[in-house]
Amino acid sequence: MLFAKMGVPNDQLSFFTTLLYFPWFLKGLWSPFVDILRTKRWWIIAMQLLLTALCILLTISLPHPATETIAAKATSVGTFRFTLILFIIAAFASATHDIAADGFYMLAHDTKSQAAFVGIRSTFYRIAAVFSQGVIVYIAGYLENKTGDIPGSWQITLGVTSAILLGVTLYHCFFLPHATEDQPREVKDYKGAMRELKESFVTFFTKPGVALAIAFMLLYRLSEGFLVKLCQPFLVDARETFIREGQLIGGGLELSTDTVGLLYGTIGVICLLLGGILGGIYISKKGLKRSIWLMAAALTLPSFVYCYLSMAQPESLWLIGSAVSLEQFGYGFGFTAYMMYMMYFSDGPYKTSHYAICTAFMALSMMIPGFIAGSIEMAVGYSAFFWIANACSVTTFLITYLVYKRL
């Protein structure tokens, strides 16, 4: 949303923001160092301090493109070269924080306590999703409406975010518990550790049906991988379509930033999370095999609402909000089968390592379409792009059929 409002063309926006997935794709490579060097608590606070410092630097250094350049969607991503570098470092810090936080949670709680707090943990994860995609975007939009200064509004918003991060970090410095078991893991036999790491990879790629499993992880969400990159730019782009340097510009719904923060980032994310909760309940009762077809349909069919929105370009916020909420709910419900399948395939002696490899393929499944989504949209326009993206749902049903036969 930041780059979309700053006038960065969709092809550049899509490609360079997709690069931020790389740390999450590769985090398994350095996760052993988080175990060996220092405590999990140290890593958590260190990464929070780093993220706070990066956010302050983003606030200070955010470029201010000219109003005319923003309106023409002609802002080169090169303008944000330093911003992107900071975001990439932040992505590495965030992925490292994720490794440490997961490990700390298991060390700081016994089995009974883990079960008691898992609901609270997931609730705060959901609150964070709503806050980051909804509240923060709404603040930026509110300031845009008041000042008319898009770069300045985002600069203030990043400053507010920095203050929140600093407050959370200081709180954790004093109140995050010191777990007795949270000690650096002593590794005496490095050759043995490397042999174990190698064995986890070898056993994963020699599992029966591994080719089909990898294909499922890469293709099940292919349609959504295209859509998710350009949903928000579509919602804020101008309604009028014009051509610049042979590329289509506009054809969106021209909603204000605060409206998108409310409809997509708040109500939409709540529907996404509600879909995930109900999906979990449904699949726990019916099982993966009996659920997978319904969930594949839920994942793909509601996304056709974007085909309608791009052709009709309605002005009713109720209609737009309902369409976005339906698509997000369907995605949340259908994604449950994806997560359950990864757990199913990871089962075995190297369950943790194999699941980490699965999450790497999960990140890759969003990176591949994300790199080219913007270029396709700028070549054919939003309406044709959404039809092309939804045509990819054929691969979802095909790979679902093949997996269903093996379950």
Protein backbone atom coordinates (compact mmCIF):
# COMPACT_ATOMS: atom_id res chain seq x y z
CA MET A 1 0.00 0.00 0.00
CA LEU A 2 2.87 2.36 0.78
CA PHE A 3 4.41 1.92 -2.67
CA ALA A 4 1.03 1.95 -4.42
CA LYS A 5 0.14 5.31 -2.85
CA MET A 6 3.58 6.68 -3.70
CA GLY A 7 2.91 6.07 -7.40
CA VAL A 8 5.25 3.11 -7.99
CA PRO A 9 4.07 1.18 -11.12
CA ASN A 10 2.56 -2.23 -10.42
CA ASP A 11 5.25 -4.22 -12.22
CA GLN A 12 8.03 -2.74 -10.06
CA LEU A 13 5.86 -2.77 -6.93
CA SER A 14 5.01 -6.46 -7.34
CA PHE A 15 8.54 -7.60 -8.15
CA PHE A 16 10.46 -5.77 -5.45
CA THR A 17 8.03 -6.35 -2.58
CA THR A 18 8.10 -10.07 -3.47
CA LEU A 19 11.84 -10.05 -2.72
CA LEU A 20 10.87 -9.55 0.93
CA TYR A 21 9.69 -13.18 1.03
CA PHE A 22 13.26 -14.45 0.65
CA PRO A 23 14.21 -14.33 4.36
CA TRP A 24 11.15 -16.42 5.19
CA PHE A 25 12.03 -18.83 2.40
CA LEU A 26 15.61 -19.18 3.63
CA LYS A 27 15.23 -18.86 7.42
CA GLY A 28 15.78 -22.59 7.97
CA LEU A 29 19.40 -22.11 6.89
CA TRP A 30 20.34 -19.95 9.87
CA SER A 31 17.82 -21.17 12.44
CA PRO A 32 20.44 -23.54 14.00
CA PHE A 33 22.56 -20.50 14.90
CA VAL A 34 19.68 -19.10 16.98
CA ASP A 35 19.85 -22.33 18.99
CA ILE A 36 23.63 -22.29 19.40
CA LEU A 37 24.38 -18.58 19.92
CA ARG A 38 22.91 -16.74 22.94
CA THR A 39 19.46 -17.29 24.45
CA LYS A 40 16.09 -17.08 22.69
CA ARG A 41 15.20 -14.15 24.96
CA TRP A 42 18.33 -12.31 23.81
CA TRP A 43 17.44 -12.89 20.14
CA ILE A 44 13.86 -11.70 20.69
CA ILE A 45 14.88 -8.40 22.29
CA ALA A 46 17.83 -7.87 19.93
CA MET A 47 15.61 -8.29 16.87
CA GLN A 48 12.95 -6.00 18.34
CA LEU A 49 15.58 -3.34 18.96
CA LEU A 50 16.84 -3.76 15.40
CA LEU A 51 13.30 -3.54 13.97
CA THR A 52 12.66 -0.38 16.02
CA ALA A 53 15.88 1.22 14.77
CA LEU A 54 15.02 0.28 11.15
CA CYS A 55 11.55 1.75 11.48
CA ILE A 56 13.01 5.01 12.80
CA LEU A 57 15.43 5.09 9.84
CA LEU A 58 12.50 4.44 7.47
CA THR A 59 10.65 7.37 9.03
CA ILE A 60 13.59 9.73 8.66
CA SER A 61 14.63 8.67 5.15
CA LEU A 62 11.29 8.08 3.39
CA PRO A 63 11.44 9.80 -0.05
CA HIS A 64 8.91 12.48 -1.05
CA PRO A 65 8.07 12.06 -4.77
CA ALA A 66 6.40 15.01 -6.52
CA THR A 67 2.59 15.09 -6.48
CA GLU A 68 2.46 15.01 -10.29
CA THR A 69 4.74 11.94 -10.39
CA ILE A 70 2.56 10.12 -7.87
CA ALA A 71 -0.63 10.95 -9.77
CA ALA A 72 0.86 9.58 -13.02
CA LYS A 73 2.09 6.41 -11.27
CA ALA A 74 5.52 7.22 -12.65
CA THR A 75 7.60 6.98 -9.46
CA SER A 76 10.61 4.77 -10.12
CA VAL A 77 11.27 2.14 -7.49
CA GLY A 78 14.87 3.38 -7.62
CA THR A 79 13.65 6.36 -5.61
CA PHE A 80 13.05 3.91 -2.78
CA ARG A 81 16.37 2.08 -3.07
CA PHE A 82 17.41 2.82 0.52
CA THR A 83 13.86 2.14 1.76
CA LEU A 84 13.92 -1.31 0.17
CA ILE A 85 17.31 -2.09 1.70
CA LEU A 86 15.90 -1.23 5.13
CA PHE A 87 12.81 -3.38 4.47
CA ILE A 88 14.98 -6.35 3.45
CA ILE A 89 17.05 -6.06 6.64
CA ALA A 90 13.79 -5.80 8.58
CA ALA A 91 12.52 -8.96 6.88
CA PHE A 92 15.63 -10.87 8.01
CA ALA A 93 15.20 -9.50 11.53
CA SER A 94 11.51 -10.43 11.54
CA ALA A 95 12.18 -13.98 10.33
CA THR A 96 14.89 -14.40 12.97
CA HIS A 97 12.53 -13.05 15.64
CA ASP A 98 9.96 -15.63 14.50
CA ILE A 99 12.47 -18.47 14.98
CA ALA A 100 13.40 -17.26 18.47
CA ALA A 101 9.82 -16.52 19.59
CA ASP A 102 8.59 -19.98 18.59
CA GLY A 103 11.47 -21.61 20.46
CA PHE A 104 11.08 -19.37 23.52
CA TYR A 105 7.37 -20.15 23.76
CA MET A 106 8.09 -23.88 23.98
CA LEU A 107 10.94 -23.40 26.49
CA ALA A 108 9.16 -20.92 28.78
CA HIS A 109 6.01 -23.07 29.12
CA ASP A 110 5.49 -26.66 30.11
CA THR A 111 3.11 -28.79 28.04
CA LYS A 112 0.07 -27.85 30.12
CA SER A 113 0.92 -24.14 30.05
CA GLN A 114 1.52 -24.23 26.28
CA ALA A 115 -1.99 -25.57 25.75
CA ALA A 116 -3.46 -22.96 28.10
CA PHE A 117 -1.83 -20.02 26.34
CA VAL A 118 -2.02 -21.17 22.71
CA GLY A 119 -5.42 -19.50 22.29
CA ILE A 120 -4.14 -16.21 23.70
CA ARG A 121 -1.08 -16.39 21.46
CA SER A 122 -3.15 -16.94 18.31
CA THR A 123 -5.57 -14.18 19.35
CA PHE A 124 -2.76 -11.64 19.59
CA TYR A 125 -1.42 -12.83 16.24
CA ARG A 126 -4.84 -12.04 14.75
CA ILE A 127 -4.96 -8.65 16.50
CA ALA A 128 -1.52 -7.89 15.03
CA ALA A 129 -2.76 -8.77 11.52
CA VAL A 130 -5.73 -6.41 11.86
CA PHE A 131 -3.56 -3.68 13.38
CA SER A 132 -0.83 -3.82 10.72
CA GLN A 133 -3.07 -4.13 7.65
CA GLY A 134 -6.03 -2.15 8.96
CA VAL A 135 -5.29 0.37 11.70
CA ILE A 136 -1.90 1.53 10.39
CA VAL A 137 -3.24 1.93 6.84
CA TYR A 138 -6.30 3.77 8.20
CA ILE A 139 -4.05 6.21 10.09
CA ALA A 140 -2.11 6.94 6.89
CA GLY A 141 -5.36 7.45 4.98
CA TYR A 142 -6.82 9.71 7.66
CA LEU A 143 -3.72 11.88 7.55
CA GLU A 144 -3.82 11.92 3.73
CA ASN A 145 -7.38 13.26 3.83
CA LYS A 146 -6.46 15.91 6.40
CA THR A 147 -3.21 17.13 4.85
CA GLY A 148 -3.29 16.11 1.19
CA ASP A 149 0.36 15.14 1.58
CA ILE A 150 0.76 11.43 0.81
CA PRO A 151 4.52 11.05 1.58
CA GLY A 152 4.20 13.17 4.72
CA SER A 153 1.23 11.11 5.92
CA TRP A 154 3.13 7.85 5.55
CA GLN A 155 6.16 9.38 7.25
CA ILE A 156 4.06 10.29 10.30
CA THR A 157 2.47 6.82 10.25
CA LEU A 158 5.89 5.16 10.24
CA GLY A 159 6.86 7.43 13.14
CA VAL A 160 3.82 6.25 15.11
CA THR A 161 4.76 2.65 14.30
CA SER A 162 8.32 3.29 15.53
CA ALA A 163 6.98 4.59 18.84
CA ILE A 164 4.76 1.52 19.27
CA LEU A 165 7.67 -0.83 18.48
CA LEU A 166 9.91 1.02 20.94
CA GLY A 167 7.28 0.75 23.68
CA VAL A 168 6.83 -3.00 23.11
CA THR A 169 10.61 -3.54 23.06
CA LEU A 170 11.15 -1.64 26.33
CA TYR A 171 8.32 -3.60 27.92
CA HIS A 172 9.94 -6.90 26.92
CA CYS A 173 13.35 -5.77 28.18
CA PHE A 174 11.92 -5.62 31.71
CA PHE A 175 9.00 -8.05 31.76
CA LEU A 176 9.80 -10.89 29.35
CA PRO A 177 10.51 -13.88 31.62
CA HIS A 178 13.91 -15.52 31.99
CA ALA A 179 13.17 -19.18 31.27
CA THR A 180 15.41 -21.67 33.07
CA GLU A 181 15.67 -23.90 30.01
CA ASP A 182 16.44 -20.97 27.69
CA GLN A 183 20.16 -21.58 27.29
CA PRO A 184 22.39 -21.75 24.21
CA ARG A 185 22.45 -25.34 22.99
CA GLU A 186 25.91 -26.81 23.45
CA VAL A 187 27.05 -28.57 20.33
CA LYS A 188 30.05 -30.82 20.95
CA ASP A 189 29.88 -32.83 17.77
CA TYR A 190 29.58 -30.33 14.89
CA LYS A 191 30.04 -33.08 12.33
CA GLY A 192 27.19 -34.99 13.93
CA ALA A 193 24.99 -31.88 13.89
CA MET A 194 25.72 -31.27 10.22
CA ARG A 195 25.07 -34.94 9.49
CA GLU A 196 21.70 -34.66 11.24
CA LEU A 197 20.83 -31.52 9.26
CA LYS A 198 21.77 -33.24 6.01
CA GLU A 199 19.75 -36.31 6.99
CA SER A 200 16.64 -34.19 7.55
CA PHE A 201 16.88 -32.84 3.99
CA VAL A 202 17.65 -36.25 2.48
CA THR A 203 14.72 -37.93 4.24
CA PHE A 204 12.37 -35.16 3.13
CA PHE A 205 13.24 -35.41 -0.55
CA THR A 206 13.16 -39.21 -0.50
CA LYS A 207 9.73 -39.46 1.12
CA PRO A 208 7.11 -41.38 -0.90
CA GLY A 209 5.06 -38.91 -2.96
CA VAL A 210 7.43 -35.98 -2.39
CA ALA A 211 7.09 -34.72 -5.98
CA LEU A 212 3.30 -34.55 -5.65
CA ALA A 213 3.59 -32.88 -2.24
CA ILE A 214 5.91 -30.17 -3.58
CA ALA A 215 3.59 -29.65 -6.57
CA PHE A 216 0.64 -29.25 -4.18
CA MET A 217 2.51 -26.74 -2.03
CA LEU A 218 3.46 -24.68 -5.10
CA LEU A 219 0.21 -24.87 -7.10
CA TYR A 220 -2.69 -25.08 -4.63
CA ARG A 221 -2.58 -21.31 -4.01
CA LEU A 222 -1.40 -20.22 -7.47
CA SER A 223 -4.50 -18.15 -8.23
CA GLU A 224 -4.38 -16.41 -4.84
CA GLY A 225 -0.64 -15.81 -5.29
CA PHE A 226 -1.42 -13.59 -8.27
CA LEU A 227 -4.42 -11.88 -6.70
CA VAL A 228 -2.94 -10.99 -3.33
CA LYS A 229 -0.17 -8.87 -4.87
CA LEU A 230 -2.52 -6.47 -6.66
CA CYS A 231 -5.74 -6.44 -4.63
CA GLN A 232 -4.83 -3.31 -2.70
CA PRO A 233 -3.34 -1.39 -5.67
CA PHE A 234 -6.56 -2.21 -7.58
CA LEU A 235 -8.68 -0.80 -4.76
CA VAL A 236 -6.82 2.55 -4.71
CA ASP A 237 -5.91 3.02 -8.40
CA ALA A 238 -7.77 5.58 -10.52
CA ARG A 239 -10.95 4.47 -12.30
CA GLU A 240 -9.98 6.09 -15.58
CA THR A 241 -7.66 3.97 -17.71
CA PHE A 242 -4.85 5.57 -19.69
CA ILE A 243 -1.74 4.34 -21.45
CA ARG A 244 1.80 5.46 -20.56
CA GLU A 245 4.78 4.07 -22.42
CA GLY A 246 2.65 1.24 -23.79
CA GLN A 247 1.40 0.13 -20.36
CA LEU A 248 -2.12 0.35 -18.93
CA ILE A 249 -2.58 2.61 -15.93
CA GLY A 250 -5.71 2.88 -13.80
CA GLY A 251 -8.91 0.88 -14.06
CA GLY A 252 -9.21 0.50 -10.28
CA LEU A 253 -11.90 1.49 -7.78
CA GLU A 254 -10.21 4.72 -6.57
CA LEU A 255 -10.99 4.17 -2.89
CA SER A 256 -9.30 6.33 -0.28
CA THR A 257 -6.48 4.81 1.77
CA ASP A 258 -8.46 4.91 5.02
CA THR A 259 -11.40 3.16 3.34
CA VAL A 260 -9.09 0.37 2.13
CA GLY A 261 -7.63 0.13 5.64
CA LEU A 262 -11.16 -0.36 6.98
CA LEU A 263 -12.61 -2.65 4.26
CA TYR A 264 -9.60 -4.76 3.28
CA GLY A 265 -7.21 -4.40 6.21
CA THR A 266 -9.73 -4.63 9.05
CA ILE A 267 -13.05 -6.21 8.03
CA GLY A 268 -11.38 -8.30 5.32
CA VAL A 269 -8.64 -9.59 7.63
CA ILE A 270 -11.22 -10.40 10.34
CA CYS A 271 -13.16 -12.44 7.75
CA LEU A 272 -9.89 -14.13 6.70
CA LEU A 273 -9.17 -15.13 10.29
CA LEU A 274 -12.79 -16.19 10.88
CA GLY A 275 -12.57 -18.40 7.80
CA GLY A 276 -9.39 -19.95 9.18
CA ILE A 277 -10.99 -20.64 12.57
CA LEU A 278 -14.11 -22.23 11.03
CA GLY A 279 -11.93 -24.13 8.58
CA GLY A 280 -9.96 -25.59 11.47
CA ILE A 281 -13.14 -26.66 13.25
CA TYR A 282 -14.56 -28.19 10.05
CA ILE A 283 -11.44 -30.12 9.10
CA SER A 284 -11.02 -31.43 12.67
CA LYS A 285 -14.48 -32.99 12.45
CA LYS A 286 -14.46 -34.20 8.85
CA GLY A 287 -10.79 -34.96 8.26
CA LEU A 288 -8.56 -33.78 5.41
CA LYS A 289 -9.81 -36.17 2.73
CA ARG A 290 -13.49 -35.33 3.26
CA SER A 291 -12.76 -31.59 3.47
CA ILE A 292 -10.24 -30.93 0.73
CA TRP A 293 -12.66 -30.47 -2.19
CA LEU A 294 -14.88 -28.00 -0.35
CA MET A 295 -11.82 -26.09 0.82
CA ALA A 296 -10.31 -25.97 -2.68
CA ALA A 297 -13.60 -24.51 -3.94
CA ALA A 298 -13.71 -22.01 -1.06
CA LEU A 299 -10.15 -20.92 -1.84
CA THR A 300 -10.73 -20.27 -5.54
CA LEU A 301 -14.36 -19.51 -6.39
CA PRO A 302 -14.91 -16.40 -4.19
CA SER A 303 -11.88 -14.75 -5.84
CA PHE A 304 -13.98 -14.31 -9.00
CA VAL A 305 -15.53 -11.33 -7.21
CA TYR A 306 -12.49 -9.34 -8.37
CA CYS A 307 -13.39 -10.12 -11.98
CA TYR A 308 -16.80 -8.58 -11.32
CA LEU A 309 -15.40 -5.59 -9.42
CA SER A 310 -12.88 -4.83 -12.16
CA MET A 311 -15.55 -4.96 -14.91
CA ALA A 312 -18.43 -3.22 -13.10
CA GLN A 313 -16.29 -0.80 -11.02
CA PRO A 314 -19.14 -0.30 -8.50
CA GLU A 315 -19.18 2.70 -6.19
CA SER A 316 -21.16 1.12 -3.35
CA LEU A 317 -18.86 0.57 -0.38
CA TRP A 318 -21.27 -2.06 0.95
CA LEU A 319 -20.95 -4.04 -2.27
CA ILE A 320 -17.17 -3.68 -2.47
CA GLY A 321 -16.76 -4.51 1.23
CA SER A 322 -19.00 -7.57 0.94
CA ALA A 323 -17.07 -8.84 -2.11
CA VAL A 324 -13.68 -8.37 -0.42
CA SER A 325 -14.94 -9.99 2.80
CA LEU A 326 -16.33 -13.00 0.89
CA GLU A 327 -13.02 -13.52 -0.92
CA GLN A 328 -11.00 -13.21 2.28
CA PHE A 329 -13.28 -15.58 4.18
CA GLY A 330 -13.02 -18.15 1.39
CA TYR A 331 -9.24 -17.85 1.34
CA GLY A 332 -9.01 -18.32 5.11
CA PHE A 333 -11.32 -21.35 5.01
CA GLY A 334 -9.60 -22.97 2.02
CA PHE A 335 -6.08 -22.33 3.30
CA THR A 336 -6.75 -24.63 6.27
CA ALA A 337 -6.44 -27.68 3.98
CA TYR A 338 -3.03 -26.41 2.85
CA MET A 339 -1.74 -26.14 6.42
CA MET A 340 -3.19 -29.50 7.39
CA TYR A 341 -1.60 -31.19 4.37
CA MET A 342 1.83 -29.78 5.31
CA MET A 343 1.43 -31.25 8.82
CA TYR A 344 0.27 -34.54 7.32
CA PHE A 345 3.25 -34.75 4.98
CA SER A 346 5.76 -33.64 7.66
CA ASP A 347 4.81 -36.41 10.07
CA GLY A 348 7.73 -38.65 11.02
CA PRO A 349 11.08 -38.63 12.89
CA TYR A 350 12.12 -35.25 11.46
CA LYS A 351 8.72 -33.59 11.85
CA THR A 352 10.04 -30.14 12.85
CA SER A 353 12.67 -29.96 10.12
CA HIS A 354 10.33 -31.30 7.46
CA TYR A 355 7.63 -28.80 8.39
CA ALA A 356 10.20 -25.99 8.12
CA ILE A 357 11.05 -27.18 4.59
CA CYS A 358 7.33 -27.20 3.78
CA THR A 359 7.00 -23.58 4.95
CA ALA A 360 9.88 -22.68 2.62
CA PHE A 361 7.88 -24.08 -0.31
CA MET A 362 4.87 -22.19 1.04
CA ALA A 363 6.82 -18.93 0.76
CA LEU A 364 8.06 -19.92 -2.70
CA SER A 365 4.46 -20.51 -3.83
CA MET A 366 3.75 -16.81 -3.24
CA MET A 367 7.07 -15.58 -4.63
CA ILE A 368 6.79 -17.16 -8.08
CA PRO A 369 3.49 -15.48 -9.10
CA GLY A 370 4.40 -12.32 -7.19
CA PHE A 371 7.44 -11.64 -9.38
CA ILE A 372 5.37 -11.46 -12.59
CA ALA A 373 1.91 -10.38 -11.41
CA GLY A 374 2.52 -6.65 -11.84
CA SER A 375 3.99 -7.01 -15.33
CA ILE A 376 0.98 -9.05 -16.49
CA GLU A 377 -1.47 -6.51 -15.06
CA MET A 378 0.26 -3.56 -16.70
CA ALA A 379 0.22 -5.38 -20.05
CA VAL A 380 -3.48 -6.34 -20.05
CA GLY A 381 -5.23 -4.22 -17.39
CA TYR A 382 -6.93 -5.19 -14.15
CA SER A 383 -9.99 -6.91 -15.60
CA ALA A 384 -8.07 -9.27 -17.91
CA PHE A 385 -5.46 -9.81 -15.18
CA PHE A 386 -8.07 -11.02 -12.69
CA TRP A 387 -9.54 -13.40 -15.28
CA ILE A 388 -6.06 -14.78 -16.00
CA ALA A 389 -5.36 -15.14 -12.28
CA ASN A 390 -8.61 -16.98 -11.68
CA ALA A 391 -8.00 -19.25 -14.66
CA CYS A 392 -5.07 -20.58 -12.61
CA SER A 393 -7.64 -22.15 -10.29
CA VAL A 394 -7.65 -25.03 -12.80
CA THR A 395 -4.27 -26.02 -11.36
CA THR A 396 -5.76 -25.91 -7.85
CA PHE A 397 -8.46 -28.42 -8.73
CA LEU A 398 -6.09 -30.62 -10.72
CA ILE A 399 -3.52 -30.89 -7.94
CA THR A 400 -6.33 -31.36 -5.38
CA TYR A 401 -7.63 -34.31 -7.42
CA LEU A 402 -4.18 -35.94 -7.52
CA VAL A 403 -3.64 -35.44 -3.77
CA TYR A 404 -7.16 -36.64 -2.96
CA LYS A 405 -6.41 -39.95 -4.66
CA ARG A 406 -3.38 -40.52 -2.40
CA LEU A 407 -4.96 -39.49 0.92
